[in-house]
Amino acid sequence: MGDATLARARDNGPIVLGFLLAALAVWVRSISEGLPDSGDAVTHYQFARYVWKHAEPLLSGWGKPVFTLLASPFAQLGLWGMALFTALCAACTIWMIGSFVGRTSGTWRWFVPVALMFAPQYAHTVMAGLTEPLFGLLSVIIVIWLMEARWTAALALASFLPYTRPEHVVLTPLVVGVALVHKQWRALPWVLLGTVVYAIASTILFHDPLKVLLDDPYTGVD
C-alpha cells in the first residue's frame, strides 16, 4: 500500500467510523423486540408514515414539519426506518464536523464520532427516531456556513429551524446576530424563507396562511 493510499485511509477513517457506528445503531434497533421510546417516537413515525394520506401532520407544529417531510420516505419501511433516517443524520453530522475539524487537526477528527455516538442521550434519539439528530445536523451545517461566510445559504437554512425543533429560539437569533455584526444586509431577508414557504403551503392546504405559524405546542411553556 503506497503512501498516498495510506494518507487517504487516515483521512477517511473517522468518517468511515462514524458511518459504521451509525449503521450499528440501526442494526441494534432493527433486531430489538422493544421500542427505545414508546411515546413521541411512535407518534412521529405515525405522522411521517401517513402524512400523504392526511395532510394536517405535514404542517403540525408538534410533529415538526421539516422532520415529518424528510422522514416520510423512511417511515414507509416501518419503525426501524425512522432510526435509519436519524442514523443518516448522525453520520452526516460526523462527516460535517470531522471535515471542518480536519482542516486544522487530523487527530481530533477521530474524537468526533466517538464523542457523538457514545453520548447516551444522543444515541437514544438516533435509535428512537426522534427529531434531535436532524436539528443537530442542520445546526452544524449552519454554523460551518457562517464560519465560511456563506451568509445567504446559512440564513436560508436557518429559516427552516423553527419547523424542526423548538431550540431554534436560541440558535436563530444568534445566526441573525452574527449576520448583523458582519453587516450582511442582503442576506438577512433569507431568514424568512422557511416561514414564507410554509405560509404558502398552509394557504394551499388549509386556506389559512397563519395556521402553521400559530400552531405552536410550546406556547405558554417557560
Protein backbone atom coordinates (compact mmCIF):
# COMPACT_ATOMS: atom_id res chain seq x y z
CA MET A 1 0.00 0.00 0.00
CA GLY A 2 1.52 3.32 -1.09
CA ASP A 3 1.91 6.45 0.99
CA ALA A 4 -0.92 8.18 -0.88
CA THR A 5 -3.30 5.28 -0.17
CA LEU A 6 -2.35 5.28 3.50
CA ALA A 7 -2.93 9.02 3.71
CA ARG A 8 -6.38 8.69 2.15
CA ALA A 9 -7.24 5.87 4.56
CA ARG A 10 -6.23 8.03 7.51
CA ASP A 11 -8.24 10.97 6.17
CA ASN A 12 -11.38 8.92 5.62
CA GLY A 13 -11.01 6.75 8.72
CA PRO A 14 -13.04 8.94 11.15
CA ILE A 15 -15.83 9.33 8.60
CA VAL A 16 -15.94 5.58 7.97
CA LEU A 17 -16.00 5.00 11.73
CA GLY A 18 -18.90 7.42 12.05
CA PHE A 19 -20.94 5.65 9.39
CA LEU A 20 -20.13 2.28 10.95
CA LEU A 21 -21.31 3.45 14.36
CA ALA A 22 -24.47 4.85 12.79
CA ALA A 23 -25.03 1.53 11.00
CA LEU A 24 -24.52 -0.27 14.30
CA ALA A 25 -27.25 1.85 15.87
CA VAL A 26 -29.64 0.91 13.05
CA TRP A 27 -28.74 -2.77 13.39
CA VAL A 28 -29.33 -2.75 17.15
CA ARG A 29 -32.65 -1.03 16.57
CA SER A 30 -33.71 -3.48 13.85
CA ILE A 31 -33.07 -6.59 15.96
CA SER A 32 -34.67 -5.16 19.08
CA GLU A 33 -38.09 -6.52 20.00
CA GLY A 34 -38.85 -3.46 22.10
CA LEU A 35 -39.11 0.25 21.46
CA PRO A 36 -36.49 2.78 22.62
CA ASP A 37 -39.31 5.27 23.03
CA SER A 38 -42.97 4.28 23.04
CA GLY A 39 -44.29 7.84 23.20
CA ASP A 40 -43.04 10.64 20.97
CA ALA A 41 -41.09 8.31 18.66
CA VAL A 42 -44.20 6.31 17.74
CA THR A 43 -46.23 9.46 17.13
CA HIS A 44 -43.50 10.96 14.92
CA TYR A 45 -43.45 7.69 12.99
CA GLN A 46 -47.21 7.78 12.50
CA PHE A 47 -47.06 11.39 11.32
CA ALA A 48 -44.33 10.57 8.81
CA ARG A 49 -45.85 7.28 7.70
CA TYR A 50 -49.33 8.58 6.91
CA VAL A 51 -48.65 12.21 6.03
CA TRP A 52 -49.55 11.65 2.37
CA LYS A 53 -52.99 10.35 3.36
CA HIS A 54 -53.69 13.01 5.98
CA ALA A 55 -52.23 16.41 5.13
CA GLU A 56 -52.50 18.04 8.53
CA PRO A 57 -49.38 16.39 10.04
CA LEU A 58 -47.35 17.96 7.21
CA LEU A 59 -47.83 21.32 8.95
CA SER A 60 -48.13 20.16 12.55
CA GLY A 61 -46.08 22.26 14.94
CA TRP A 62 -45.82 19.36 17.37
CA GLY A 63 -44.77 16.93 14.66
CA LYS A 64 -42.11 19.33 13.30
CA PRO A 65 -42.96 19.83 9.59
CA VAL A 66 -39.40 19.57 8.23
CA PHE A 67 -38.74 16.35 10.12
CA THR A 68 -42.08 14.85 9.08
CA LEU A 69 -41.43 15.58 5.41
CA LEU A 70 -37.84 14.31 5.29
CA ALA A 71 -38.53 11.22 7.41
CA SER A 72 -41.61 10.22 5.43
CA PRO A 73 -39.85 8.00 2.83
CA PHE A 74 -38.00 6.16 5.60
CA ALA A 75 -41.18 5.71 7.66
CA GLN A 76 -42.62 3.58 4.87
CA LEU A 77 -40.09 0.90 5.93
CA GLY A 78 -41.59 0.68 9.39
CA LEU A 79 -40.49 1.95 12.79
CA TRP A 80 -36.89 0.94 12.18
CA GLY A 81 -36.89 3.18 9.10
CA MET A 82 -37.07 6.20 11.38
CA ALA A 83 -33.88 5.03 13.06
CA LEU A 84 -32.31 4.68 9.61
CA PHE A 85 -33.15 8.31 8.86
CA THR A 86 -31.81 9.66 12.14
CA ALA A 87 -28.70 7.47 11.84
CA LEU A 88 -28.02 9.03 8.44
CA CYS A 89 -28.41 12.43 10.08
CA ALA A 90 -25.88 11.39 12.73
CA ALA A 91 -23.42 10.06 10.14
CA CYS A 92 -23.68 13.26 8.09
CA THR A 93 -23.19 15.33 11.25
CA ILE A 94 -19.98 13.42 11.96
CA TRP A 95 -18.90 13.94 8.36
CA MET A 96 -19.51 17.70 8.51
CA ILE A 97 -17.81 18.23 11.87
CA GLY A 98 -14.92 15.91 11.01
CA SER A 99 -14.29 17.57 7.66
CA PHE A 100 -14.23 21.00 9.26
CA VAL A 101 -12.06 19.99 12.23
CA GLY A 102 -9.72 18.15 9.85
CA ARG A 103 -8.64 21.43 8.30
CA THR A 104 -6.58 22.17 11.40
CA SER A 105 -6.20 18.85 13.23
CA GLY A 106 -6.41 15.39 11.71
CA THR A 107 -6.08 13.63 15.06
CA TRP A 108 -9.10 15.30 16.67
CA ARG A 109 -11.30 14.02 13.85
CA TRP A 110 -11.22 10.56 15.47
CA PHE A 111 -12.75 12.05 18.60
CA VAL A 112 -15.85 13.31 16.75
CA PRO A 113 -17.68 10.00 16.01
CA VAL A 114 -16.81 8.56 19.43
CA ALA A 115 -17.94 11.65 21.36
CA LEU A 116 -21.18 11.91 19.42
CA MET A 117 -22.34 8.33 19.07
CA PHE A 118 -21.38 7.29 22.60
CA ALA A 119 -23.27 10.17 24.21
CA PRO A 120 -26.17 8.23 25.80
CA GLN A 121 -28.89 10.79 25.13
CA TYR A 122 -27.82 11.30 21.52
CA ALA A 123 -27.61 7.56 20.85
CA HIS A 124 -31.10 7.20 22.30
CA THR A 125 -32.58 9.84 19.99
CA VAL A 126 -30.91 8.18 16.99
CA MET A 127 -32.24 4.69 17.73
CA ALA A 128 -35.66 6.02 18.70
CA GLY A 129 -36.03 8.04 15.51
CA LEU A 130 -36.61 11.38 17.24
CA THR A 131 -36.19 14.90 15.88
CA GLU A 132 -32.99 15.95 17.66
CA PRO A 133 -30.42 14.44 15.24
CA LEU A 134 -31.89 16.33 12.28
CA PHE A 135 -31.85 19.60 14.21
CA GLY A 136 -28.27 18.88 15.24
CA LEU A 137 -27.22 18.26 11.63
CA LEU A 138 -28.85 21.47 10.39
CA SER A 139 -27.27 23.43 13.25
CA VAL A 140 -23.80 22.13 12.43
CA ILE A 141 -24.20 22.96 8.75
CA ILE A 142 -25.39 26.48 9.56
CA VAL A 143 -22.50 27.16 11.94
CA ILE A 144 -19.95 25.91 9.40
CA TRP A 145 -21.51 28.02 6.65
CA LEU A 146 -21.35 31.08 8.90
CA MET A 147 -17.67 30.42 9.58
CA GLU A 148 -17.15 30.12 5.84
CA ALA A 149 -19.03 33.40 5.25
CA ARG A 150 -21.74 31.65 3.22
CA TRP A 151 -24.29 34.08 4.60
CA THR A 152 -27.24 33.57 2.27
CA ALA A 153 -27.10 29.79 2.50
CA ALA A 154 -26.75 29.86 6.30
CA LEU A 155 -29.67 32.23 6.80
CA ALA A 156 -31.88 30.38 4.31
CA LEU A 157 -31.26 27.08 6.09
CA ALA A 158 -31.75 28.72 9.48
CA SER A 159 -35.18 29.87 8.31
CA PHE A 160 -36.37 26.25 8.49
CA LEU A 161 -35.16 25.70 12.07
CA PRO A 162 -38.49 26.86 13.60
CA TYR A 163 -40.12 23.94 11.80
CA THR A 164 -37.55 21.42 13.02
CA ARG A 165 -37.09 21.85 16.79
CA PRO A 166 -38.13 24.41 19.46
CA GLU A 167 -34.46 25.06 20.29
CA HIS A 168 -34.45 27.38 17.29
CA VAL A 169 -35.38 30.14 19.76
CA VAL A 170 -31.74 30.06 20.88
CA LEU A 171 -29.91 29.39 17.61
CA THR A 172 -31.85 31.51 15.10
CA PRO A 173 -31.32 34.82 16.96
CA LEU A 174 -27.62 34.03 17.20
CA VAL A 175 -27.44 33.39 13.45
CA VAL A 176 -29.22 36.66 12.74
CA GLY A 177 -26.98 38.44 15.24
CA VAL A 178 -23.81 37.21 13.55
CA ALA A 179 -25.15 38.37 10.19
CA LEU A 180 -25.95 41.78 11.66
CA VAL A 181 -22.49 42.14 13.18
CA HIS A 182 -20.98 41.42 9.76
CA LYS A 183 -23.45 43.79 8.06
CA GLN A 184 -24.87 41.16 5.73
CA TRP A 185 -27.93 43.22 4.84
CA ARG A 186 -28.64 41.47 1.55
CA ALA A 187 -28.54 38.02 3.13
CA LEU A 188 -30.78 38.86 6.11
CA PRO A 189 -34.16 38.58 4.29
CA TRP A 190 -33.39 34.92 3.57
CA VAL A 191 -34.08 34.12 7.22
CA LEU A 192 -37.77 34.45 6.30
CA LEU A 193 -37.65 31.84 3.53
CA GLY A 194 -38.93 28.90 5.60
CA THR A 195 -41.82 30.92 7.01
CA VAL A 196 -42.85 32.07 3.52
CA VAL A 197 -42.69 28.50 2.18
CA TYR A 198 -44.82 27.11 4.99
CA ALA A 199 -47.27 30.02 4.86
CA ILE A 200 -47.82 29.27 1.17
CA ALA A 201 -48.23 25.55 1.90
CA SER A 202 -50.67 26.36 4.70
CA THR A 203 -52.68 28.56 2.36
CA ILE A 204 -52.85 25.84 -0.30
CA LEU A 205 -53.78 23.03 2.08
CA PHE A 206 -55.95 24.82 4.64
CA HIS A 207 -56.74 28.23 3.10
CA ASP A 208 -55.13 29.80 6.15
CA PRO A 209 -51.58 31.20 5.84
CA LEU A 210 -51.33 31.61 9.61
CA LYS A 211 -52.28 28.06 10.58
CA VAL A 212 -48.73 26.73 10.57
CA LEU A 213 -47.42 29.90 12.22
CA LEU A 214 -49.90 29.79 15.09
CA ASP A 215 -49.69 26.03 15.65
CA ASP A 216 -47.11 26.25 18.43
CA PRO A 217 -47.44 23.47 21.03
CA TYR A 218 -44.98 25.28 23.31
CA THR A 219 -46.97 28.49 23.73
CA GLY A 220 -47.05 29.40 27.41
CA VAL A 221 -44.30 26.93 28.31
CA ASP A 222 -41.33 28.52 30.07
